[in-house]
């Protein structure tokens, strides 16, 4: 029995005006691509570097108009100019559109935490400046002058249990993710395992399970055999064009990881 998803399918139709010999239209995975049905609330996009999975998920985010965590509005992101052309060829079928959700790339996460840290530092400097500037004024006047800065600082700090910069990368990623996620949302994630240890990846799977139970849908590009193991997820491989479904135990990522862990010396001797 098929499980109802928010986004039901992605269709690709390229017109004669698109330069099919240029990136990203020359990606092998686009040849003979017509429609991808999304039958599970969790879909993994897997494949080697350069196979096109990140380009695909970026184009999908552009088509949807997703919020980008830690970045400018997606329509203003100049790094996506080429991908945006591809997004014009994606046609989506929905069971019900949702405003909840976001697009998150690993590099955006690192940039976001750094930006928050710098912003907090600047606000604290502004508060110190007010104290110096108003040292001969009343506490009431000083309080009024500091209020906008204090309110901005409180708003940032209240968004998370504590400052993201005080966590490890893995902890801050999960804290950011958990604080921004809402039920019945559509979430596009590109390599979320980047900041996560194997233990934290298990925590991420637990969070996925919780949000799927609340009606959310996830499309995730990943290299992680741990994350790919999420129960009943659909796995789409980009390694053998056209894009096709594959079972977990058939994945080269999984077979190679198992083989290496069973006998790492065999691989290390060949380095």
Protein backbone atom coordinates (compact mmCIF):
# COMPACT_ATOMS: atom_id res chain seq x y z
CA UNK A 1 0.00 0.00 0.00
CA UNK A 2 1.39 3.42 -0.97
CA UNK A 3 1.80 5.99 1.78
CA UNK A 4 0.41 9.43 1.01
CA UNK A 5 3.17 11.99 0.50
CA UNK A 6 3.05 15.79 0.31
CA UNK A 7 4.99 15.89 -2.96
CA UNK A 8 3.74 13.03 -5.11
CA UNK A 9 5.97 13.21 -8.17
CA UNK A 10 8.64 15.14 -10.06
CA UNK A 11 8.43 15.28 -13.84
CA UNK A 12 11.16 16.51 -16.17
CA UNK A 13 10.37 18.04 -19.54
CA UNK A 14 13.07 19.94 -21.42
CA UNK A 15 12.10 22.19 -24.32
CA UNK A 16 14.06 22.77 -27.51
CA UNK A 17 15.34 26.13 -26.25
CA UNK A 18 17.52 24.58 -23.54
CA UNK A 19 21.21 23.99 -24.41
CA UNK A 20 21.24 20.26 -23.69
CA UNK A 21 25.01 20.02 -24.29
CA UNK A 22 25.74 22.46 -21.42
CA UNK A 23 25.64 22.00 -17.65
CA UNK A 24 23.37 21.03 -16.00
CA UNK A 25 21.38 19.72 -18.96
CA UNK A 26 24.27 17.46 -20.02
CA UNK A 27 24.10 15.39 -16.82
CA UNK A 28 23.65 11.70 -17.73
CA UNK A 29 20.87 11.29 -15.13
CA UNK A 30 18.65 13.65 -17.12
CA UNK A 31 18.70 11.53 -20.26
CA UNK A 32 15.41 9.65 -20.62
CA UNK A 33 14.21 11.11 -17.31
CA UNK A 34 10.45 11.57 -17.34
CA UNK A 35 8.69 11.19 -13.99
CA UNK A 36 9.84 10.12 -10.52
CA UNK A 37 7.03 8.95 -8.26
CA UNK A 38 7.56 9.62 -4.55
CA UNK A 39 5.86 6.81 -2.66
CA UNK A 40 7.58 7.10 0.71
CA UNK A 41 7.82 10.00 3.20
CA UNK A 42 11.61 9.52 3.09
CA UNK A 43 13.46 9.36 -0.23
CA UNK A 44 17.24 9.09 -0.47
CA UNK A 45 19.25 10.24 -3.48
CA UNK A 46 22.51 8.30 -3.61
CA UNK A 47 25.47 8.20 -5.96
CA UNK A 48 29.12 9.07 -6.37
CA UNK A 49 30.40 12.64 -6.35
CA UNK A 50 29.50 14.26 -9.66
CA UNK A 51 26.56 11.95 -10.33
CA UNK A 52 24.13 14.89 -10.17
CA UNK A 53 22.23 14.25 -6.95
CA UNK A 54 23.13 17.62 -5.36
CA UNK A 55 22.30 19.46 -8.60
CA UNK A 56 18.97 17.62 -8.74
CA UNK A 57 17.99 18.50 -5.17
CA UNK A 58 19.08 22.13 -5.64
CA UNK A 59 16.94 22.40 -8.77
CA UNK A 60 14.03 20.85 -6.89
CA UNK A 61 14.44 23.42 -4.11
CA UNK A 62 14.36 26.20 -6.72
CA UNK A 63 11.20 24.78 -8.29
CA UNK A 64 9.49 24.61 -4.91
CA UNK A 65 10.82 28.01 -3.79
CA UNK A 66 12.11 26.48 -0.57
CA UNK A 67 13.42 28.52 2.32
CA UNK A 68 17.20 28.07 2.48
CA UNK A 69 18.52 27.76 6.03
CA UNK A 70 21.45 30.08 6.64
CA UNK A 71 21.42 31.69 3.21
CA UNK A 72 19.69 34.38 1.18
CA UNK A 73 16.31 33.77 -0.39
CA UNK A 74 16.73 30.99 -2.92
CA UNK A 75 15.84 33.28 -5.83
CA UNK A 76 18.79 35.54 -4.87
CA UNK A 77 21.40 32.79 -4.50
CA UNK A 78 23.81 33.40 -7.39
CA UNK A 79 25.45 30.00 -6.89
CA UNK A 80 22.21 28.46 -8.18
CA UNK A 81 21.97 30.42 -11.45
CA UNK A 82 22.68 27.38 -13.67
CA UNK A 83 20.57 25.09 -11.52
CA UNK A 84 17.68 27.54 -11.68
CA UNK A 85 17.51 26.98 -15.46
CA UNK A 86 17.09 23.26 -14.80
CA UNK A 87 14.37 23.94 -12.24
CA UNK A 88 12.25 25.48 -14.99
CA UNK A 89 11.99 22.00 -16.50
CA UNK A 90 10.66 20.37 -13.31
CA UNK A 91 6.91 19.93 -12.95
CA UNK A 92 5.56 18.89 -9.57
CA UNK A 93 2.47 17.00 -8.52
CA UNK A 94 1.23 17.59 -4.97
CA UNK A 95 -1.26 15.88 -2.72
CA UNK A 96 -1.39 19.13 -0.74
CA UNK A 97 1.06 22.03 -0.86
CA UNK A 98 2.69 23.09 2.39
CA UNK A 99 4.43 26.25 3.55
CA UNK A 100 6.35 24.29 6.18
CA UNK A 101 9.80 23.05 5.26
CA UNK A 102 13.22 24.18 4.10
CA UNK A 103 16.29 23.32 2.03
CA UNK A 104 19.52 22.73 3.94
CA UNK A 105 22.99 22.10 2.53
CA UNK A 106 25.90 21.16 4.79
CA UNK A 107 27.83 24.28 3.76
CA UNK A 108 24.83 26.49 4.57
CA UNK A 109 24.70 25.01 8.07
CA UNK A 110 28.34 25.87 8.78
CA UNK A 111 27.84 29.37 7.35
CA UNK A 112 24.69 29.88 9.40
CA UNK A 113 26.29 29.02 12.74
CA UNK A 114 29.24 31.30 11.97
CA UNK A 115 26.92 34.13 10.97
CA UNK A 116 24.92 33.76 14.20
CA UNK A 117 28.10 33.81 16.27
CA UNK A 118 29.35 36.98 14.56
CA UNK A 119 25.95 38.65 14.89
CA UNK A 120 25.79 37.93 18.63
CA UNK A 121 29.31 39.26 19.10
CA UNK A 122 28.40 42.47 17.27
CA UNK A 123 25.26 42.98 19.36
CA UNK A 124 27.24 42.53 22.58
CA UNK A 125 29.75 45.10 21.34
CA UNK A 126 26.87 47.49 20.62
CA UNK A 127 25.59 47.06 24.18
CA UNK A 128 29.05 47.85 25.58
CA UNK A 129 29.19 50.94 23.35
CA UNK A 130 25.83 52.12 24.73
CA UNK A 131 27.12 51.67 28.29
CA UNK A 132 30.13 53.86 27.50
CA UNK A 133 28.14 56.47 25.59
CA UNK A 134 25.48 56.75 28.31
CA UNK A 135 27.77 56.47 31.37
CA UNK A 136 26.70 59.92 32.60
CA UNK A 137 23.02 59.38 31.83
CA UNK A 138 20.30 57.86 33.97
CA UNK A 139 19.81 54.09 34.15
CA UNK A 140 16.42 54.64 32.54
CA UNK A 141 17.93 56.38 29.51
CA UNK A 142 20.66 53.77 29.30
CA UNK A 143 18.08 50.98 29.46
CA UNK A 144 16.02 52.51 26.65
CA UNK A 145 19.11 52.84 24.47
CA UNK A 146 20.14 49.22 25.08
CA UNK A 147 16.65 47.77 24.67
CA UNK A 148 16.70 47.17 20.87
CA UNK A 149 20.07 45.41 21.11
CA UNK A 150 19.01 43.34 24.13
CA UNK A 151 15.76 42.32 22.45
CA UNK A 152 17.62 41.20 19.31
CA UNK A 153 20.09 39.19 21.39
CA UNK A 154 17.28 37.56 23.39
CA UNK A 155 15.43 36.64 20.20
CA UNK A 156 18.51 34.82 18.87
CA UNK A 157 19.25 33.05 22.15
CA UNK A 158 15.62 32.04 22.71
CA UNK A 159 15.56 30.26 19.35
CA UNK A 160 17.85 27.56 20.77
CA UNK A 161 18.46 26.04 24.19
CA UNK A 162 21.84 27.72 24.17
CA UNK A 163 24.05 29.39 21.57
CA UNK A 164 24.76 27.14 18.61
CA UNK A 165 28.41 28.15 18.77
CA UNK A 166 28.71 26.49 22.21
CA UNK A 167 27.79 23.07 20.77
CA UNK A 168 29.92 20.68 18.77
CA UNK A 169 29.12 20.68 15.04
CA UNK A 170 26.99 17.57 15.39
CA UNK A 171 25.10 18.87 18.40
CA UNK A 172 24.49 22.28 16.83
CA UNK A 173 23.23 20.69 13.60
CA UNK A 174 20.66 18.60 15.47
CA UNK A 175 19.67 21.58 17.64
CA UNK A 176 19.24 23.81 14.59
CA UNK A 177 17.33 21.12 12.72
CA UNK A 178 15.03 20.35 15.64
CA UNK A 179 14.32 24.02 16.37
CA UNK A 180 13.36 24.80 12.76
CA UNK A 181 11.41 21.69 11.82
CA UNK A 182 7.59 21.61 11.87
CA UNK A 183 4.97 18.90 11.28
CA UNK A 184 3.59 18.36 7.77
CA UNK A 185 6.61 20.00 6.15
CA UNK A 186 8.68 19.16 3.08
CA UNK A 187 12.40 19.07 3.84
CA UNK A 188 15.20 18.88 1.26
CA UNK A 189 18.60 18.00 2.75
CA UNK A 190 21.95 17.75 0.98
CA UNK A 191 24.48 15.57 2.83
CA UNK A 192 23.18 16.16 6.37
CA UNK A 193 25.71 13.62 7.67
CA UNK A 194 28.62 16.04 7.09
CA UNK A 195 28.70 17.40 10.69
CA UNK A 196 27.40 14.21 12.32
CA UNK A 197 29.32 11.41 14.02
CA UNK A 198 27.89 7.88 13.58
CA UNK A 199 26.19 8.23 16.97
CA UNK A 200 24.66 11.59 15.99
CA UNK A 201 23.48 10.09 12.71
CA UNK A 202 21.42 7.63 14.74
CA UNK A 203 19.97 10.60 16.62
CA UNK A 204 19.14 12.18 13.27
CA UNK A 205 17.29 8.99 12.23
CA UNK A 206 15.30 9.15 15.46
CA UNK A 207 14.30 12.71 14.64
CA UNK A 208 13.31 11.66 11.11
CA UNK A 209 11.08 8.94 12.51
CA UNK A 210 9.39 11.41 14.86
CA UNK A 211 8.70 13.95 12.11
CA UNK A 212 7.48 11.34 9.61
CA UNK A 213 4.91 10.31 12.21
CA UNK A 214 3.75 13.95 12.20
CA UNK A 215 3.20 14.02 8.45
CA UNK A 216 6.51 15.44 7.21
CA UNK A 217 8.31 14.35 4.05
CA UNK A 218 12.06 14.27 3.42
CA UNK A 219 14.16 14.12 0.25
CA UNK A 220 17.79 13.61 1.21
CA UNK A 221 20.99 13.40 -0.81
CA UNK A 222 23.48 11.37 1.21
CA UNK A 223 26.59 9.17 1.19
CA UNK A 224 25.92 7.70 4.64
CA UNK A 225 25.02 3.97 4.86
CA UNK A 226 23.69 4.67 8.36
CA UNK A 227 21.23 7.33 7.22
CA UNK A 228 20.26 5.31 4.12
CA UNK A 229 19.10 2.50 6.42
CA UNK A 230 15.99 4.40 7.54
CA UNK A 231 13.13 1.85 7.55
CA UNK A 232 10.84 1.78 4.50
CA UNK A 233 12.64 4.63 2.76
CA UNK A 234 12.88 4.72 -1.02
CA UNK A 235 16.40 4.88 -2.42
CA UNK A 236 17.07 6.39 -5.85
CA UNK A 237 20.50 5.78 -7.34
CA UNK A 238 22.12 8.33 -9.64
CA UNK A 239 25.04 6.05 -10.51
CA UNK A 240 23.35 4.15 -13.33
CA UNK A 241 21.30 6.53 -15.49
CA UNK A 242 18.43 6.87 -15.75
CA UNK A 243 17.58 7.40 -12.08
CA UNK A 244 16.18 4.18 -10.67
CA UNK A 245 15.10 2.59 -7.42
CA UNK A 246 17.47 0.29 -5.59
CA UNK A 247 17.31 -1.75 -2.40
CA UNK A 248 19.53 -0.91 0.56
CA UNK A 249 21.52 -4.14 0.41
CA UNK A 250 22.18 -3.64 -3.30
CA UNK A 251 23.98 -0.32 -2.76
CA UNK A 252 27.71 -0.20 -3.46
CA UNK A 253 28.09 2.21 -0.52
CA UNK A 254 26.71 -0.44 1.80
CA UNK A 255 28.63 -3.37 0.32
CA UNK A 256 31.94 -1.46 0.39
CA UNK A 257 31.43 -0.28 3.98
CA UNK A 258 30.60 -3.78 5.16
CA UNK A 259 33.57 -5.26 3.35
CA UNK A 260 35.98 -2.64 4.70
CA UNK A 261 34.83 -3.01 8.30
CA UNK A 262 35.15 -6.80 8.11
CA UNK A 263 38.72 -6.67 6.82
CA UNK A 264 40.22 -3.16 6.64
CA UNK A 265 43.77 -4.49 6.23
CA UNK A 266 42.97 -5.75 2.73
CA UNK A 267 42.06 -2.21 1.61
CA UNK A 268 44.80 -0.42 3.54
CA UNK A 269 47.51 -2.62 2.05
CA UNK A 270 46.52 -1.37 -1.40
CA UNK A 271 46.90 2.32 -0.57
